[in-house]
Amino acid sequence: MHIHDALGDHITVKQSIRYLGAQLHANGQLEAEIAQKIGLASQEFKVLKRIWNHCNISIRFKFEIFTACVLQRLLYSLETAWLNKSLRNKLDGFYAKCLRQILKISPSHISRVSNHYILQQFNAKPLSKTLLHRQLKLFGKIARMPNEAIVRKVTFESGSLHPVTTKNKRRGRPRKTWTTELHKIAESFAQTSDLWNLVQNKQAWELVIKKFCRE
């Protein structure tokens, strides 16, 4: 597809572009981005296969290497995106699959060992919970920015935590957005307190979201 700028030159309109390590799509969909991230993380996991199979390296240290080298690559920049349930399940599924290989435990339909048990062996939580924790931290960070900050202007209404609404609404069911969904979650665990004051207190906010994402 081509459009013309003010000088009459052709400008190619792309359906997706790569920016700061993330793939941005014109339709806002994240399926391809998540598939690509899981693919890259899977390659990284395979490169480190000798470590996972090494008998003299403890399970705990293997998990630390896995977190630093594989998970950080997978989760990079995802705290700025809202994933639907299907995509969150894909992240959790990939996570459990890798941990099973580290423990040398077959898939659940063969071993009859649940993913819950696998997570317990590492004292870990589902990867979607880790992502949610990062998202809520970012939510609070943006909320504490001054009203003049560009990032805050496009996220919240001035002087409040109300999500910015678009003037041109799409037909059909409204698309779930990062701000609206995180705002709902924040309200769910801050019902007995003033959400605004809670978010403005960085230390208190991080304690609350840490407890919430651990449950």
N, C-alpha and C. Protein backbone atom coordinates (compact mmCIF):
# COMPACT_ATOMS: atom_id res chain seq x y z
N MET A 1 0.85 -1.19 0.00
CA MET A 1 0.00 0.00 0.00
C MET A 1 0.89 1.24 0.00
N HIS A 2 0.50 2.28 -0.81
CA HIS A 2 1.28 3.50 -0.88
C HIS A 2 0.39 4.72 -0.63
N ILE A 3 0.96 5.73 0.01
CA ILE A 3 0.32 7.03 0.15
C ILE A 3 1.32 8.09 -0.28
N HIS A 4 0.88 9.33 -0.38
CA HIS A 4 1.78 10.40 -0.81
C HIS A 4 1.92 11.42 0.33
N ASP A 5 3.16 11.94 0.46
CA ASP A 5 3.36 12.98 1.46
C ASP A 5 3.08 14.34 0.82
N ALA A 6 3.37 15.43 1.54
CA ALA A 6 3.05 16.78 1.08
C ALA A 6 3.78 17.14 -0.21
N LEU A 7 4.92 16.49 -0.46
CA LEU A 7 5.71 16.78 -1.66
C LEU A 7 5.35 15.86 -2.82
N GLY A 8 4.39 14.99 -2.61
CA GLY A 8 3.97 14.09 -3.68
C GLY A 8 4.80 12.83 -3.78
N ASP A 9 5.73 12.62 -2.85
CA ASP A 9 6.57 11.41 -2.88
C ASP A 9 5.79 10.21 -2.34
N HIS A 10 6.15 9.04 -2.86
CA HIS A 10 5.51 7.80 -2.40
C HIS A 10 6.02 7.42 -1.01
N ILE A 11 5.10 7.04 -0.15
CA ILE A 11 5.44 6.52 1.18
C ILE A 11 4.81 5.14 1.30
N THR A 12 5.64 4.14 1.52
CA THR A 12 5.14 2.78 1.66
C THR A 12 4.58 2.56 3.06
N VAL A 13 3.35 2.09 3.12
CA VAL A 13 2.72 1.80 4.41
C VAL A 13 2.90 0.33 4.72
N LYS A 14 3.59 0.04 5.79
CA LYS A 14 3.86 -1.34 6.17
C LYS A 14 2.84 -1.82 7.21
N GLN A 15 2.53 -3.10 7.15
CA GLN A 15 1.60 -3.69 8.11
C GLN A 15 2.26 -3.98 9.44
N SER A 16 3.58 -4.04 9.44
CA SER A 16 4.31 -4.25 10.70
C SER A 16 5.73 -3.73 10.57
N ILE A 17 6.27 -3.27 11.67
CA ILE A 17 7.66 -2.80 11.71
C ILE A 17 8.31 -3.27 12.99
N ARG A 18 9.62 -3.38 12.97
CA ARG A 18 10.38 -3.76 14.17
C ARG A 18 10.90 -2.50 14.81
N TYR A 19 10.62 -2.33 16.12
CA TYR A 19 11.04 -1.12 16.82
C TYR A 19 11.47 -1.48 18.24
N LEU A 20 12.72 -1.17 18.58
CA LEU A 20 13.27 -1.44 19.91
C LEU A 20 13.05 -2.88 20.35
N GLY A 21 13.28 -3.80 19.43
CA GLY A 21 13.18 -5.22 19.75
C GLY A 21 11.79 -5.80 19.72
N ALA A 22 10.78 -4.99 19.41
CA ALA A 22 9.40 -5.48 19.37
C ALA A 22 8.83 -5.33 17.97
N GLN A 23 7.92 -6.22 17.62
CA GLN A 23 7.27 -6.17 16.31
C GLN A 23 5.92 -5.47 16.47
N LEU A 24 5.78 -4.30 15.85
CA LEU A 24 4.55 -3.53 15.96
C LEU A 24 3.68 -3.77 14.73
N HIS A 25 2.41 -4.15 14.96
CA HIS A 25 1.50 -4.46 13.87
C HIS A 25 0.42 -3.40 13.75
N ALA A 26 0.05 -3.10 12.51
CA ALA A 26 -0.93 -2.04 12.26
C ALA A 26 -2.29 -2.33 12.88
N ASN A 27 -2.65 -3.62 12.97
CA ASN A 27 -3.96 -3.98 13.53
C ASN A 27 -3.94 -4.15 15.04
N GLY A 28 -2.77 -3.96 15.65
CA GLY A 28 -2.68 -4.05 17.11
C GLY A 28 -2.67 -5.47 17.65
N GLN A 29 -2.70 -6.47 16.78
CA GLN A 29 -2.72 -7.86 17.24
C GLN A 29 -1.32 -8.28 17.71
N LEU A 30 -1.29 -9.19 18.69
CA LEU A 30 -0.02 -9.59 19.29
C LEU A 30 0.33 -11.06 19.07
N GLU A 31 -0.53 -11.80 18.35
CA GLU A 31 -0.29 -13.23 18.16
C GLU A 31 1.07 -13.51 17.51
N ALA A 32 1.38 -12.76 16.44
CA ALA A 32 2.64 -12.98 15.73
C ALA A 32 3.84 -12.61 16.60
N GLU A 33 3.69 -11.54 17.37
CA GLU A 33 4.77 -11.10 18.25
C GLU A 33 5.07 -12.15 19.32
N ILE A 34 4.02 -12.69 19.94
CA ILE A 34 4.21 -13.71 20.98
C ILE A 34 4.81 -14.98 20.38
N ALA A 35 4.33 -15.37 19.21
CA ALA A 35 4.87 -16.56 18.55
C ALA A 35 6.36 -16.38 18.25
N GLN A 36 6.73 -15.20 17.80
CA GLN A 36 8.13 -14.91 17.50
C GLN A 36 8.98 -14.93 18.76
N LYS A 37 8.47 -14.33 19.84
CA LYS A 37 9.21 -14.30 21.10
C LYS A 37 9.41 -15.70 21.67
N ILE A 38 8.35 -16.51 21.62
CA ILE A 38 8.47 -17.87 22.12
C ILE A 38 9.46 -18.66 21.26
N GLY A 39 9.44 -18.42 19.95
CA GLY A 39 10.38 -19.09 19.06
C GLY A 39 11.83 -18.75 19.39
N LEU A 40 12.11 -17.46 19.61
CA LEU A 40 13.47 -17.04 19.95
C LEU A 40 13.91 -17.57 21.31
N ALA A 41 12.97 -17.55 22.27
CA ALA A 41 13.28 -18.06 23.61
C ALA A 41 13.53 -19.56 23.56
N SER A 42 12.79 -20.26 22.71
CA SER A 42 12.96 -21.70 22.55
C SER A 42 14.35 -22.02 21.98
N GLN A 43 14.79 -21.22 21.01
CA GLN A 43 16.12 -21.41 20.44
C GLN A 43 17.19 -21.19 21.52
N GLU A 44 17.00 -20.15 22.33
CA GLU A 44 17.95 -19.87 23.41
C GLU A 44 18.00 -21.02 24.40
N PHE A 45 16.83 -21.59 24.68
CA PHE A 45 16.76 -22.72 25.62
C PHE A 45 17.54 -23.93 25.07
N LYS A 46 17.41 -24.17 23.77
CA LYS A 46 18.09 -25.30 23.15
C LYS A 46 19.61 -25.09 23.14
N VAL A 47 20.04 -23.84 22.95
CA VAL A 47 21.48 -23.55 22.96
C VAL A 47 22.11 -23.92 24.30
N LEU A 48 21.32 -23.78 25.36
CA LEU A 48 21.81 -24.05 26.71
C LEU A 48 21.51 -25.48 27.16
N LYS A 49 21.24 -26.36 26.22
CA LYS A 49 20.85 -27.73 26.54
C LYS A 49 21.89 -28.44 27.41
N ARG A 50 23.17 -28.20 27.17
CA ARG A 50 24.22 -28.86 27.95
C ARG A 50 24.14 -28.50 29.43
N ILE A 51 23.70 -27.27 29.69
CA ILE A 51 23.55 -26.85 31.09
C ILE A 51 22.38 -27.58 31.74
N TRP A 52 21.25 -27.69 31.05
CA TRP A 52 20.09 -28.37 31.63
C TRP A 52 20.38 -29.84 31.90
N ASN A 53 21.27 -30.44 31.08
CA ASN A 53 21.57 -31.87 31.24
C ASN A 53 22.77 -32.14 32.15
N HIS A 54 23.43 -31.08 32.60
CA HIS A 54 24.64 -31.26 33.42
C HIS A 54 24.27 -31.72 34.82
N CYS A 55 24.85 -32.85 35.23
CA CYS A 55 24.49 -33.45 36.53
C CYS A 55 25.07 -32.69 37.72
N ASN A 56 26.15 -31.95 37.52
CA ASN A 56 26.81 -31.29 38.64
C ASN A 56 26.34 -29.85 38.87
N ILE A 57 25.34 -29.43 38.10
CA ILE A 57 24.76 -28.09 38.31
C ILE A 57 23.42 -28.27 39.00
N SER A 58 23.24 -27.55 40.10
CA SER A 58 22.02 -27.70 40.88
C SER A 58 20.79 -27.19 40.12
N ILE A 59 19.64 -27.73 40.47
CA ILE A 59 18.39 -27.31 39.86
C ILE A 59 18.15 -25.82 40.09
N ARG A 60 18.47 -25.35 41.28
CA ARG A 60 18.27 -23.93 41.60
C ARG A 60 19.11 -23.03 40.71
N PHE A 61 20.38 -23.42 40.48
CA PHE A 61 21.24 -22.59 39.63
C PHE A 61 20.80 -22.67 38.17
N LYS A 62 20.33 -23.83 37.75
CA LYS A 62 19.79 -23.96 36.38
C LYS A 62 18.60 -23.01 36.20
N PHE A 63 17.76 -22.94 37.23
CA PHE A 63 16.59 -22.06 37.17
C PHE A 63 17.02 -20.59 37.08
N GLU A 64 18.07 -20.22 37.79
CA GLU A 64 18.57 -18.84 37.73
C GLU A 64 19.11 -18.52 36.34
N ILE A 65 19.81 -19.47 35.74
CA ILE A 65 20.32 -19.27 34.37
C ILE A 65 19.16 -19.16 33.40
N PHE A 66 18.17 -20.02 33.57
CA PHE A 66 16.98 -20.01 32.71
C PHE A 66 16.25 -18.66 32.81
N THR A 67 16.11 -18.17 34.02
CA THR A 67 15.43 -16.88 34.23
C THR A 67 16.18 -15.74 33.57
N ALA A 68 17.51 -15.73 33.74
CA ALA A 68 18.32 -14.63 33.22
C ALA A 68 18.48 -14.67 31.71
N CYS A 69 18.65 -15.85 31.15
CA CYS A 69 18.99 -15.96 29.72
C CYS A 69 17.80 -16.21 28.80
N VAL A 70 16.78 -16.86 29.31
CA VAL A 70 15.64 -17.22 28.47
C VAL A 70 14.42 -16.34 28.76
N LEU A 71 14.04 -16.27 30.03
CA LEU A 71 12.83 -15.53 30.37
C LEU A 71 12.95 -14.04 30.11
N GLN A 72 14.11 -13.46 30.40
CA GLN A 72 14.27 -12.03 30.19
C GLN A 72 14.12 -11.68 28.71
N ARG A 73 14.58 -12.56 27.86
CA ARG A 73 14.43 -12.32 26.41
C ARG A 73 12.97 -12.46 25.99
N LEU A 74 12.29 -13.43 26.59
CA LEU A 74 10.88 -13.65 26.26
C LEU A 74 10.00 -12.50 26.72
N LEU A 75 10.24 -12.00 27.91
CA LEU A 75 9.36 -10.98 28.50
C LEU A 75 9.73 -9.55 28.12
N TYR A 76 10.85 -9.38 27.43
CA TYR A 76 11.30 -8.04 27.09
C TYR A 76 10.22 -7.25 26.36
N SER A 77 9.85 -6.11 26.92
CA SER A 77 8.89 -5.14 26.37
C SER A 77 7.43 -5.59 26.50
N LEU A 78 7.16 -6.81 26.98
CA LEU A 78 5.77 -7.27 27.05
C LEU A 78 4.96 -6.58 28.14
N GLU A 79 5.65 -5.94 29.10
CA GLU A 79 4.89 -5.25 30.16
C GLU A 79 4.10 -4.07 29.61
N THR A 80 4.40 -3.65 28.39
CA THR A 80 3.68 -2.53 27.79
C THR A 80 2.49 -2.99 26.95
N ALA A 81 2.25 -4.30 26.89
CA ALA A 81 1.16 -4.83 26.05
C ALA A 81 0.17 -5.59 26.92
N TRP A 82 -1.09 -5.60 26.50
CA TRP A 82 -2.09 -6.40 27.19
C TRP A 82 -2.37 -7.66 26.38
N LEU A 83 -2.15 -8.83 27.00
CA LEU A 83 -2.33 -10.09 26.32
C LEU A 83 -3.67 -10.71 26.70
N ASN A 84 -4.36 -11.28 25.72
CA ASN A 84 -5.61 -11.97 26.04
C ASN A 84 -5.30 -13.30 26.73
N LYS A 85 -6.35 -13.97 27.18
CA LYS A 85 -6.17 -15.20 27.96
C LYS A 85 -5.43 -16.27 27.17
N SER A 86 -5.73 -16.37 25.89
CA SER A 86 -5.08 -17.38 25.05
C SER A 86 -3.57 -17.17 24.98
N LEU A 87 -3.14 -15.92 24.83
CA LEU A 87 -1.71 -15.62 24.75
C LEU A 87 -1.03 -15.81 26.10
N ARG A 88 -1.74 -15.49 27.17
CA ARG A 88 -1.17 -15.71 28.51
C ARG A 88 -0.98 -17.21 28.76
N ASN A 89 -1.93 -18.01 28.28
CA ASN A 89 -1.81 -19.46 28.43
C ASN A 89 -0.62 -20.00 27.63
N LYS A 90 -0.35 -19.40 26.48
CA LYS A 90 0.80 -19.83 25.68
C LYS A 90 2.11 -19.56 26.43
N LEU A 91 2.19 -18.40 27.08
CA LEU A 91 3.39 -18.10 27.87
C LEU A 91 3.55 -19.10 29.00
N ASP A 92 2.44 -19.35 29.71
CA ASP A 92 2.50 -20.29 30.83
C ASP A 92 2.84 -21.70 30.35
N GLY A 93 2.31 -22.08 29.18
CA GLY A 93 2.60 -23.41 28.64
C GLY A 93 4.06 -23.57 28.27
N PHE A 94 4.63 -22.55 27.63
CA PHE A 94 6.05 -22.60 27.27
C PHE A 94 6.92 -22.67 28.53
N TYR A 95 6.56 -21.89 29.53
CA TYR A 95 7.29 -21.85 30.81
C TYR A 95 7.31 -23.23 31.45
N ALA A 96 6.14 -23.83 31.58
CA ALA A 96 6.05 -25.15 32.21
C ALA A 96 6.81 -26.20 31.40
N LYS A 97 6.74 -26.12 30.08
CA LYS A 97 7.45 -27.07 29.21
C LYS A 97 8.95 -27.02 29.46
N CYS A 98 9.49 -25.80 29.57
CA CYS A 98 10.94 -25.65 29.81
C CYS A 98 11.32 -26.19 31.19
N LEU A 99 10.51 -25.88 32.20
CA LEU A 99 10.82 -26.35 33.55
C LEU A 99 10.76 -27.87 33.63
N ARG A 100 9.84 -28.48 32.90
CA ARG A 100 9.76 -29.93 32.85
C ARG A 100 11.05 -30.53 32.28
N GLN A 101 11.57 -29.89 31.24
CA GLN A 101 12.80 -30.41 30.63
C GLN A 101 13.98 -30.27 31.57
N ILE A 102 14.00 -29.18 32.35
CA ILE A 102 15.08 -29.01 33.33
C ILE A 102 15.00 -30.10 34.40
N LEU A 103 13.77 -30.45 34.80
CA LEU A 103 13.57 -31.48 35.82
C LEU A 103 13.58 -32.90 35.23
N LYS A 104 13.58 -32.98 33.88
CA LYS A 104 13.52 -34.27 33.18
C LYS A 104 12.21 -35.01 33.51
N ILE A 105 11.11 -34.27 33.48
CA ILE A 105 9.78 -34.84 33.70
C ILE A 105 8.98 -34.72 32.41
N SER A 106 8.40 -35.80 31.98
CA SER A 106 7.64 -35.84 30.73
C SER A 106 6.39 -34.97 30.81
N PRO A 107 5.77 -34.65 29.66
CA PRO A 107 4.51 -33.89 29.65
C PRO A 107 3.46 -34.55 30.54
N SER A 108 2.50 -33.76 30.99
CA SER A 108 1.52 -34.24 31.97
C SER A 108 0.71 -35.42 31.49
N HIS A 109 0.41 -35.49 30.17
CA HIS A 109 -0.40 -36.60 29.68
C HIS A 109 0.35 -37.93 29.70
N ILE A 110 1.67 -37.84 29.89
CA ILE A 110 2.49 -39.06 30.00
C ILE A 110 2.86 -39.32 31.45
N SER A 111 3.39 -38.30 32.12
CA SER A 111 3.88 -38.47 33.48
C SER A 111 2.79 -38.36 34.55
N ARG A 112 1.65 -37.75 34.18
CA ARG A 112 0.57 -37.48 35.14
C ARG A 112 1.01 -36.51 36.24
N VAL A 113 2.04 -35.74 35.94
CA VAL A 113 2.53 -34.72 36.88
C VAL A 113 2.00 -33.37 36.42
N SER A 114 1.31 -32.66 37.29
CA SER A 114 0.67 -31.40 36.92
C SER A 114 1.68 -30.26 36.82
N ASN A 115 1.30 -29.21 36.09
CA ASN A 115 2.15 -28.02 36.00
C ASN A 115 2.27 -27.34 37.36
N HIS A 116 1.21 -27.45 38.18
CA HIS A 116 1.26 -26.86 39.52
C HIS A 116 2.40 -27.49 40.34
N TYR A 117 2.56 -28.80 40.23
CA TYR A 117 3.64 -29.48 40.93
C TYR A 117 5.00 -29.01 40.41
N ILE A 118 5.10 -28.88 39.08
CA ILE A 118 6.37 -28.43 38.47
C ILE A 118 6.76 -27.06 39.01
N LEU A 119 5.80 -26.13 39.08
CA LEU A 119 6.09 -24.78 39.59
C LEU A 119 6.52 -24.83 41.05
N GLN A 120 5.91 -25.73 41.81
CA GLN A 120 6.25 -25.84 43.22
C GLN A 120 7.71 -26.24 43.42
N GLN A 121 8.25 -27.03 42.53
CA GLN A 121 9.64 -27.49 42.65
C GLN A 121 10.63 -26.33 42.54
N PHE A 122 10.20 -25.26 41.91
CA PHE A 122 11.07 -24.08 41.75
C PHE A 122 10.59 -22.91 42.62
N ASN A 123 9.54 -23.17 43.42
CA ASN A 123 8.93 -22.10 44.21
C ASN A 123 8.58 -20.93 43.29
N ALA A 124 8.01 -21.28 42.14
CA ALA A 124 7.72 -20.28 41.11
C ALA A 124 6.21 -20.13 40.92
N LYS A 125 5.83 -19.06 40.27
CA LYS A 125 4.43 -18.81 39.93
C LYS A 125 4.30 -18.83 38.41
N PRO A 126 3.08 -18.93 37.88
CA PRO A 126 2.90 -18.91 36.42
C PRO A 126 3.54 -17.66 35.81
N LEU A 127 4.07 -17.80 34.63
CA LEU A 127 4.77 -16.69 33.98
C LEU A 127 3.83 -15.50 33.76
N SER A 128 2.55 -15.77 33.53
CA SER A 128 1.59 -14.68 33.34
C SER A 128 1.48 -13.82 34.59
N LYS A 129 1.70 -14.41 35.77
CA LYS A 129 1.68 -13.65 37.02
C LYS A 129 2.90 -12.73 37.12
N THR A 130 4.03 -13.24 36.68
CA THR A 130 5.25 -12.43 36.66
C THR A 130 5.07 -11.24 35.73
N LEU A 131 4.47 -11.50 34.57
CA LEU A 131 4.21 -10.42 33.61
C LEU A 131 3.24 -9.40 34.19
N LEU A 132 2.19 -9.88 34.86
CA LEU A 132 1.22 -8.97 35.47
C LEU A 132 1.87 -8.09 36.52
N HIS A 133 2.78 -8.66 37.29
CA HIS A 133 3.50 -7.88 38.29
C HIS A 133 4.29 -6.75 37.64
N ARG A 134 4.96 -7.06 36.54
CA ARG A 134 5.72 -6.03 35.81
C ARG A 134 4.78 -4.96 35.25
N GLN A 135 3.63 -5.38 34.75
CA GLN A 135 2.68 -4.43 34.18
C GLN A 135 2.13 -3.48 35.25
N LEU A 136 1.82 -4.02 36.41
CA LEU A 136 1.30 -3.18 37.49
C LEU A 136 2.36 -2.22 38.03
N LYS A 137 3.61 -2.65 38.03
CA LYS A 137 4.69 -1.74 38.43
C LYS A 137 4.79 -0.58 37.45
N LEU A 138 4.69 -0.90 36.15
CA LEU A 138 4.74 0.15 35.13
C LEU A 138 3.52 1.06 35.24
N PHE A 139 2.35 0.46 35.52
CA PHE A 139 1.12 1.23 35.71
C PHE A 139 1.33 2.29 36.80
N GLY A 140 1.91 1.88 37.91
CA GLY A 140 2.18 2.82 39.00
C GLY A 140 3.22 3.87 38.64
N LYS A 141 4.25 3.45 37.92
CA LYS A 141 5.30 4.38 37.53
C LYS A 141 4.75 5.49 36.64
N ILE A 142 3.90 5.12 35.67
CA ILE A 142 3.32 6.11 34.77
C ILE A 142 2.35 7.02 35.54
N ALA A 143 1.58 6.42 36.47
CA ALA A 143 0.62 7.19 37.25
C ALA A 143 1.30 8.25 38.11
N ARG A 144 2.53 7.99 38.53
CA ARG A 144 3.26 8.95 39.38
C ARG A 144 3.97 10.02 38.58
N MET A 145 3.97 9.92 37.26
CA MET A 145 4.60 10.93 36.43
C MET A 145 3.82 12.25 36.49
N PRO A 146 4.48 13.37 36.24
CA PRO A 146 3.75 14.65 36.19
C PRO A 146 2.78 14.67 35.03
N ASN A 147 1.72 15.46 35.14
CA ASN A 147 0.69 15.52 34.11
C ASN A 147 1.24 15.92 32.74
N GLU A 148 2.37 16.65 32.73
CA GLU A 148 2.94 17.14 31.48
C GLU A 148 3.69 16.04 30.71
N ALA A 149 4.00 14.93 31.39
CA ALA A 149 4.75 13.86 30.74
C ALA A 149 3.93 13.24 29.60
N ILE A 150 4.55 13.08 28.43
CA ILE A 150 3.85 12.56 27.26
C ILE A 150 3.25 11.18 27.52
N VAL A 151 4.03 10.30 28.16
CA VAL A 151 3.56 8.94 28.41
C VAL A 151 2.30 8.96 29.27
N ARG A 152 2.28 9.85 30.27
CA ARG A 152 1.10 9.92 31.13
C ARG A 152 -0.09 10.51 30.37
N LYS A 153 0.17 11.47 29.53
CA LYS A 153 -0.92 12.11 28.77
C LYS A 153 -1.67 11.11 27.89
N VAL A 154 -0.94 10.15 27.33
CA VAL A 154 -1.59 9.19 26.42
C VAL A 154 -2.12 7.97 27.18
N THR A 155 -1.90 7.94 28.51
CA THR A 155 -2.34 6.80 29.31
C THR A 155 -3.51 7.15 30.21
N PHE A 156 -3.37 8.26 30.96
CA PHE A 156 -4.39 8.65 31.93
C PHE A 156 -4.90 10.06 31.65
N GLU A 157 -6.15 10.29 32.09
CA GLU A 157 -6.68 11.65 32.07
C GLU A 157 -5.88 12.50 33.07
N SER A 158 -5.75 13.77 32.80
CA SER A 158 -4.95 14.66 33.64
C SER A 158 -5.42 14.65 35.09
N GLY A 159 -4.48 14.45 36.00
CA GLY A 159 -4.79 14.51 37.42
C GLY A 159 -5.61 13.36 37.95
N SER A 160 -5.69 12.25 37.20
CA SER A 160 -6.51 11.12 37.65
C SER A 160 -5.90 9.81 37.16
N LEU A 161 -6.58 8.72 37.49
CA LEU A 161 -6.17 7.40 37.00
C LEU A 161 -7.16 6.85 35.99
N HIS A 162 -8.05 7.72 35.50
CA HIS A 162 -9.01 7.30 34.49
C HIS A 162 -8.30 7.14 33.15
N PRO A 163 -8.46 5.98 32.50
CA PRO A 163 -7.80 5.76 31.21
C PRO A 163 -8.25 6.77 30.16
N VAL A 164 -7.33 7.18 29.32
CA VAL A 164 -7.66 8.08 28.21
C VAL A 164 -8.55 7.32 27.23
N THR A 165 -9.62 7.94 26.81
CA THR A 165 -10.55 7.30 25.86
C THR A 165 -10.34 7.90 24.47
N THR A 166 -10.47 7.05 23.46
CA THR A 166 -10.31 7.51 22.08
C THR A 166 -11.62 8.13 21.61
N LYS A 167 -11.52 9.17 20.80
CA LYS A 167 -12.71 9.86 20.30
C LYS A 167 -13.42 9.05 19.22
N ASN A 168 -12.62 8.40 18.37
CA ASN A 168 -13.20 7.59 17.29
C ASN A 168 -13.32 6.14 17.74
N LYS A 169 -14.51 5.75 18.17
CA LYS A 169 -14.72 4.41 18.66
C LYS A 169 -14.92 3.42 17.52
N ARG A 170 -14.37 2.22 17.69
CA ARG A 170 -14.52 1.16 16.71
C ARG A 170 -15.90 0.52 16.84
N ARG A 171 -16.37 -0.04 15.73
CA ARG A 171 -17.64 -0.78 15.77
C ARG A 171 -17.43 -2.10 16.48
N GLY A 172 -18.52 -2.62 17.05
CA GLY A 172 -18.46 -3.92 17.70
C GLY A 172 -17.97 -3.82 19.13
N ARG A 173 -17.58 -4.96 19.67
CA ARG A 173 -17.12 -5.03 21.06
C ARG A 173 -15.84 -4.23 21.24
N PRO A 174 -15.77 -3.39 22.29
CA PRO A 174 -14.56 -2.59 22.52
C PRO A 174 -13.35 -3.49 22.77
N ARG A 175 -12.22 -3.13 22.19
CA ARG A 175 -11.00 -3.91 22.39
C ARG A 175 -10.43 -3.63 23.77
N LYS A 176 -10.01 -4.68 24.44
CA LYS A 176 -9.42 -4.51 25.76
C LYS A 176 -8.06 -3.84 25.61
N THR A 177 -7.82 -2.83 26.43
CA THR A 177 -6.56 -2.10 26.35
C THR A 177 -5.76 -2.26 27.63
N TRP A 178 -4.49 -1.98 27.52
CA TRP A 178 -3.56 -2.11 28.66
C TRP A 178 -4.05 -1.30 29.85
N THR A 179 -4.39 -0.04 29.63
CA THR A 179 -4.77 0.83 30.73
C THR A 179 -6.09 0.42 31.38
N THR A 180 -7.10 0.16 30.57
CA THR A 180 -8.42 -0.17 31.13
C THR A 180 -8.38 -1.48 31.92
N GLU A 181 -7.68 -2.49 31.42
CA GLU A 181 -7.63 -3.77 32.11
C GLU A 181 -6.83 -3.70 33.39
N LEU A 182 -5.70 -3.00 33.37
CA LEU A 182 -4.90 -2.87 34.59
C LEU A 182 -5.62 -1.99 35.62
N HIS A 183 -6.37 -1.02 35.15
CA HIS A 183 -7.14 -0.18 36.06
C HIS A 183 -8.19 -1.02 36.78
N LYS A 184 -8.84 -1.92 36.07
CA LYS A 184 -9.83 -2.81 36.68
C LYS A 184 -9.18 -3.70 37.74
N ILE A 185 -8.02 -4.25 37.40
CA ILE A 185 -7.31 -5.12 38.33
C ILE A 185 -6.88 -4.33 39.57
N ALA A 186 -6.36 -3.13 39.35
CA ALA A 186 -5.93 -2.28 40.48
C ALA A 186 -7.09 -1.98 41.41
N GLU A 187 -8.23 -1.69 40.85
CA GLU A 187 -9.42 -1.40 41.66
C GLU A 187 -9.88 -2.63 42.45
N SER A 188 -9.64 -3.82 41.90
CA SER A 188 -10.09 -5.04 42.56
C SER A 188 -9.37 -5.31 43.87
N PHE A 189 -8.10 -4.90 43.98
CA PHE A 189 -7.39 -5.14 45.25
C PHE A 189 -7.17 -3.86 46.05
N ALA A 190 -7.76 -2.77 45.58
CA ALA A 190 -7.65 -1.51 46.32
C ALA A 190 -9.03 -0.97 46.68
N GLN A 191 -10.00 -1.87 46.82
CA GLN A 191 -11.37 -1.45 47.09
C GLN A 191 -11.51 -0.76 48.44
N THR A 192 -10.72 -1.19 49.41
CA THR A 192 -10.86 -0.63 50.76
C THR A 192 -9.97 0.59 50.99
N SER A 193 -9.25 0.99 50.00
CA SER A 193 -8.37 2.15 50.15
C SER A 193 -8.51 3.06 48.94
N ASP A 194 -7.92 4.22 49.06
CA ASP A 194 -7.93 5.18 47.97
C ASP A 194 -6.87 4.79 46.96
N LEU A 195 -7.29 4.37 45.77
CA LEU A 195 -6.36 3.88 44.76
C LEU A 195 -5.34 4.95 44.39
N TRP A 196 -5.79 6.19 44.27
CA TRP A 196 -4.88 7.28 43.89
C TRP A 196 -3.73 7.40 44.90
N ASN A 197 -4.06 7.46 46.19
CA ASN A 197 -3.04 7.62 47.21
C ASN A 197 -2.14 6.39 47.29
N LEU A 198 -2.73 5.22 47.08
CA LEU A 198 -1.95 3.99 47.12
C LEU A 198 -0.91 3.97 46.01
N VAL A 199 -1.31 4.33 44.80
CA VAL A 199 -0.39 4.33 43.66
C VAL A 199 0.71 5.37 43.83
N GLN A 200 0.37 6.51 44.43
CA GLN A 200 1.36 7.56 44.59
C GLN A 200 2.46 7.18 45.58
N ASN A 201 2.16 6.25 46.48
CA ASN A 201 3.17 5.76 47.43
C ASN A 201 3.86 4.55 46.81
N LYS A 202 5.02 4.76 46.22
CA LYS A 202 5.70 3.72 45.45
C LYS A 202 5.94 2.46 46.28
N GLN A 203 6.43 2.61 47.48
CA GLN A 203 6.75 1.45 48.31
C GLN A 203 5.50 0.66 48.67
N ALA A 204 4.43 1.37 49.07
CA ALA A 204 3.18 0.71 49.43
C ALA A 204 2.57 0.01 48.21
N TRP A 205 2.64 0.67 47.06
CA TRP A 205 2.09 0.10 45.82
C TRP A 205 2.80 -1.21 45.46
N GLU A 206 4.12 -1.21 45.54
CA GLU A 206 4.88 -2.40 45.16
C GLU A 206 4.65 -3.55 46.13
N LEU A 207 4.43 -3.24 47.41
CA LEU A 207 4.13 -4.29 48.38
C LEU A 207 2.77 -4.92 48.08
N VAL A 208 1.80 -4.10 47.74
CA VAL A 208 0.44 -4.58 47.46
C VAL A 208 0.42 -5.45 46.20
N ILE A 209 1.07 -4.99 45.14
CA ILE A 209 1.02 -5.76 43.89
C ILE A 209 1.85 -7.04 44.01
N LYS A 210 2.89 -7.00 44.81
CA LYS A 210 3.69 -8.21 45.02
C LYS A 210 2.85 -9.28 45.72
N LYS A 211 2.09 -8.86 46.73
CA LYS A 211 1.21 -9.78 47.44
C LYS A 211 0.11 -10.30 46.52
N PHE A 212 -0.46 -9.40 45.72
CA PHE A 212 -1.56 -9.78 44.83
C PHE A 212 -1.11 -10.79 43.79
N CYS A 213 0.07 -10.59 43.20
CA CYS A 213 0.56 -11.48 42.14
C CYS A 213 1.11 -12.79 42.70
N ARG A 214 1.30 -12.85 43.99
CA ARG A 214 1.78 -14.08 44.61
C ARG A 214 0.63 -15.03 44.95
N GLU A 215 -0.58 -14.48 45.06
CA GLU A 215 -1.75 -15.27 45.45
C GLU A 215 -2.21 -16.19 44.31
